[in-house]
């Protein structure tokens, strides 16, 4: 890869080169997500169209100043942008590496089966509620968060949008969360379910 002045860039490790390639790809994605042409991005950043094109193709490495201009245009901090191009998440998450958190007071156990990552839009959680457990959430962390709940054992009562659903073993409830939700185990046995969360 070459720098913006046309001189050979200092040697990079393979890992650094992969990060630069992902950064180039992410910058192209951000522009396309907004429906901007290279000319429009150039107008907003005061960077030439040719430089932006070469940057998105991974032919040049961005300087800190150039990256700063792009971050301003895309309304991100540099830390946020770089977090989006961190190393690829592991494809295989071993059972013994899945974090487990327990709320003994409410009777809820949460296993992070497929943990969140800046480069991924979804995550998978396994939840277990003891009999009688009743948990209410004031609202989603992000409005419009997509939930797919697949009950593995027992019966789960889920209230979303003011409507209660009784979800039995093998059933799947899916919805987008905009306000309060409630998870309750109305039975006499623990309920176990898989929750797929997808960012809006």
Protein backbone atom coordinates (compact mmCIF):
# COMPACT_ATOMS: atom_id res chain seq x y z
CA UNK A 1 0.00 0.00 0.00
CA UNK A 2 1.18 3.52 -0.75
CA UNK A 3 0.71 6.73 1.16
CA UNK A 4 -1.10 9.81 -0.12
CA UNK A 5 2.12 11.43 -1.38
CA UNK A 6 2.92 8.48 -3.61
CA UNK A 7 5.90 7.29 -1.55
CA UNK A 8 6.06 3.70 -0.40
CA UNK A 9 4.44 3.28 2.98
CA UNK A 10 6.46 1.74 5.80
CA UNK A 11 6.19 -2.04 5.91
CA UNK A 12 3.06 -3.22 7.72
CA UNK A 13 2.44 -6.49 9.43
CA UNK A 14 -0.14 -8.75 7.84
CA UNK A 15 -2.59 -7.85 10.63
CA UNK A 16 -2.16 -4.11 10.04
CA UNK A 17 -2.66 -4.59 6.30
CA UNK A 18 -5.90 -6.46 6.99
CA UNK A 19 -7.13 -3.63 9.23
CA UNK A 20 -6.36 -1.10 6.48
CA UNK A 21 -8.24 -3.21 3.95
CA UNK A 22 -11.27 -3.42 6.26
CA UNK A 23 -11.06 0.32 6.89
CA UNK A 24 -11.11 1.03 3.15
CA UNK A 25 -14.13 -1.23 2.75
CA UNK A 26 -15.95 0.36 5.68
CA UNK A 27 -15.38 3.87 4.33
CA UNK A 28 -16.89 2.81 1.01
CA UNK A 29 -19.86 1.26 2.84
CA UNK A 30 -20.49 4.44 4.84
CA UNK A 31 -20.60 6.54 1.69
CA UNK A 32 -22.95 4.13 -0.08
CA UNK A 33 -25.21 3.88 2.99
CA UNK A 34 -25.78 7.64 2.69
CA UNK A 35 -26.28 7.54 -1.05
CA UNK A 36 -23.41 9.95 -1.67
CA UNK A 37 -21.34 10.01 -4.82
CA UNK A 38 -17.58 10.49 -4.58
CA UNK A 39 -18.13 14.05 -5.80
CA UNK A 40 -20.62 14.73 -3.00
CA UNK A 41 -18.25 13.30 -0.37
CA UNK A 42 -15.45 15.39 -1.86
CA UNK A 43 -17.59 18.51 -1.53
CA UNK A 44 -18.33 17.71 2.13
CA UNK A 45 -14.71 16.92 3.06
CA UNK A 46 -12.77 19.15 0.64
CA UNK A 47 -10.83 16.08 -0.47
CA UNK A 48 -10.36 15.31 -4.16
CA UNK A 49 -12.51 12.68 -5.82
CA UNK A 50 -9.44 10.76 -6.99
CA UNK A 51 -7.99 10.59 -3.47
CA UNK A 52 -11.29 9.34 -2.06
CA UNK A 53 -11.58 6.74 -4.81
CA UNK A 54 -8.06 5.43 -4.23
CA UNK A 55 -8.69 5.39 -0.48
CA UNK A 56 -11.85 3.30 -0.82
CA UNK A 57 -10.05 0.86 -3.14
CA UNK A 58 -7.27 0.44 -0.57
CA UNK A 59 -4.61 1.92 -2.86
CA UNK A 60 -3.56 4.57 -0.32
CA UNK A 61 -3.52 4.79 3.46
CA UNK A 62 -5.40 7.70 5.07
CA UNK A 63 -3.51 10.29 7.05
CA UNK A 64 -4.90 11.24 10.47
CA UNK A 65 -6.09 14.57 9.02
CA UNK A 66 -7.91 12.87 6.15
CA UNK A 67 -9.48 10.32 8.48
CA UNK A 68 -10.57 13.19 10.73
CA UNK A 69 -12.38 14.87 7.84
CA UNK A 70 -14.13 11.63 6.92
CA UNK A 71 -15.15 11.02 10.53
CA UNK A 72 -16.70 14.49 10.65
CA UNK A 73 -18.64 13.83 7.45
CA UNK A 74 -19.87 10.47 8.76
CA UNK A 75 -20.59 11.86 12.25
CA UNK A 76 -18.32 9.40 14.03
CA UNK A 77 -15.38 9.72 16.34
CA UNK A 78 -12.19 8.15 15.11
CA UNK A 79 -12.45 5.60 17.92
CA UNK A 80 -15.93 4.60 16.77
CA UNK A 81 -14.80 4.19 13.19
CA UNK A 82 -11.77 2.13 14.11
CA UNK A 83 -13.87 -0.05 16.44
CA UNK A 84 -15.99 -0.93 13.41
CA UNK A 85 -12.97 -2.44 11.67
CA UNK A 86 -11.46 -4.37 14.55
CA UNK A 87 -10.12 -7.82 13.89
CA UNK A 88 -12.69 -10.22 12.57
CA UNK A 89 -14.57 -11.98 15.36
CA UNK A 90 -13.80 -15.67 15.87
CA UNK A 91 -15.99 -17.84 13.67
CA UNK A 92 -16.23 -20.51 16.34
CA UNK A 93 -17.18 -19.50 19.90
CA UNK A 94 -16.42 -22.44 22.17
CA UNK A 95 -18.91 -23.20 24.93
CA UNK A 96 -16.32 -22.57 27.63
CA UNK A 97 -15.64 -19.07 26.19
CA UNK A 98 -19.30 -17.98 26.32
CA UNK A 99 -19.79 -15.52 29.16
CA UNK A 100 -22.52 -16.41 31.66
CA UNK A 101 -24.19 -13.81 33.86
CA UNK A 102 -26.70 -14.54 36.60
CA UNK A 103 -29.24 -12.30 38.27
CA UNK A 104 -30.09 -14.46 41.27
CA UNK A 105 -32.62 -11.97 42.61
CA UNK A 106 -34.82 -12.22 39.52
CA UNK A 107 -33.98 -15.83 38.65
CA UNK A 108 -32.44 -15.04 35.28
CA UNK A 109 -29.34 -16.63 33.73
CA UNK A 110 -27.91 -15.19 30.51
CA UNK A 111 -25.33 -16.97 28.33
CA UNK A 112 -23.72 -14.95 25.53
CA UNK A 113 -23.61 -17.68 22.87
CA UNK A 114 -22.55 -15.40 20.02
CA UNK A 115 -21.35 -12.14 21.59
CA UNK A 116 -21.74 -8.76 19.89
CA UNK A 117 -18.95 -7.37 17.72
CA UNK A 118 -18.65 -4.04 15.87
CA UNK A 119 -18.47 -5.82 12.50
CA UNK A 120 -21.58 -7.95 13.13
CA UNK A 121 -25.24 -6.91 13.27
CA UNK A 122 -26.56 -9.79 15.34
CA UNK A 123 -25.89 -11.71 18.52
CA UNK A 124 -27.31 -14.87 20.11
CA UNK A 125 -28.20 -15.17 23.78
CA UNK A 126 -29.44 -18.18 25.74
CA UNK A 127 -31.77 -17.21 28.56
CA UNK A 128 -33.06 -19.31 31.45
CA UNK A 129 -35.82 -18.16 33.80
CA UNK A 130 -36.72 -20.05 36.96
CA UNK A 131 -40.41 -20.72 37.72
CA UNK A 132 -42.23 -17.51 38.59
CA UNK A 133 -39.44 -15.25 37.33
CA UNK A 134 -40.80 -11.96 35.97
CA UNK A 135 -38.53 -9.36 34.37
CA UNK A 136 -39.63 -6.05 32.81
CA UNK A 137 -37.47 -3.78 30.65
CA UNK A 138 -38.31 -0.08 30.30
CA UNK A 139 -37.27 -0.04 26.66
CA UNK A 140 -34.73 -1.33 24.14
CA UNK A 141 -31.16 -0.05 24.13
CA UNK A 142 -31.82 0.95 20.51
CA UNK A 143 -35.35 1.68 19.22
CA UNK A 144 -36.42 -0.86 16.61
CA UNK A 145 -34.12 -3.60 17.89
CA UNK A 146 -35.13 -6.88 16.26
CA UNK A 147 -35.78 -9.90 18.50
CA UNK A 148 -36.34 -13.54 17.54
CA UNK A 149 -37.17 -15.70 20.57
CA UNK A 150 -37.08 -19.48 20.14
CA UNK A 151 -38.21 -21.39 23.22
CA UNK A 152 -36.19 -24.56 23.78
CA UNK A 153 -37.80 -25.89 27.01
CA UNK A 154 -40.85 -24.79 28.97
CA UNK A 155 -43.23 -21.90 28.35
CA UNK A 156 -42.27 -18.23 28.16
CA UNK A 157 -44.69 -15.32 28.33
CA UNK A 158 -43.41 -12.27 26.44
CA UNK A 159 -45.19 -8.93 26.46
CA UNK A 160 -44.21 -6.49 23.71
CA UNK A 161 -46.10 -3.49 22.43
CA UNK A 162 -48.70 -4.03 25.14
CA UNK A 163 -49.56 -7.52 23.87
CA UNK A 164 -48.76 -10.73 25.77
CA UNK A 165 -47.67 -13.86 23.87
CA UNK A 166 -47.41 -17.36 25.34
CA UNK A 167 -44.49 -19.05 23.59
CA UNK A 168 -44.14 -22.82 24.04
CA UNK A 169 -41.26 -25.18 23.35
CA UNK A 170 -40.39 -25.08 19.66
CA UNK A 171 -42.30 -21.84 19.05
CA UNK A 172 -40.61 -18.67 17.79
CA UNK A 173 -41.77 -15.13 18.54
CA UNK A 174 -40.30 -12.29 16.47
CA UNK A 175 -40.82 -8.56 16.76
CA UNK A 176 -39.10 -5.19 16.72
CA UNK A 177 -38.83 -3.57 20.12
CA UNK A 178 -39.91 0.05 20.48
CA UNK A 179 -40.98 0.29 24.13
CA UNK A 180 -41.40 -1.78 27.29
CA UNK A 181 -41.06 -5.57 27.20
CA UNK A 182 -41.68 -8.21 29.83
CA UNK A 183 -40.39 -11.78 30.14
CA UNK A 184 -42.22 -14.11 32.56
CA UNK A 185 -42.09 -17.81 33.34
CA UNK A 186 -45.68 -18.76 34.22
CA UNK A 187 -44.92 -22.47 34.63
CA UNK A 188 -43.56 -24.77 37.32
CA UNK A 189 -40.34 -25.68 35.47
CA UNK A 190 -37.45 -23.48 34.26
CA UNK A 191 -37.88 -22.05 30.78
CA UNK A 192 -34.90 -21.98 28.41
CA UNK A 193 -34.86 -19.98 25.21
CA UNK A 194 -32.57 -18.65 22.49
CA UNK A 195 -32.75 -14.95 21.72
CA UNK A 196 -31.41 -13.63 18.41
CA UNK A 197 -30.85 -9.86 18.54
CA UNK A 198 -30.37 -7.92 15.29
CA UNK A 199 -29.40 -4.25 15.19
CA UNK A 200 -31.79 -1.94 13.30
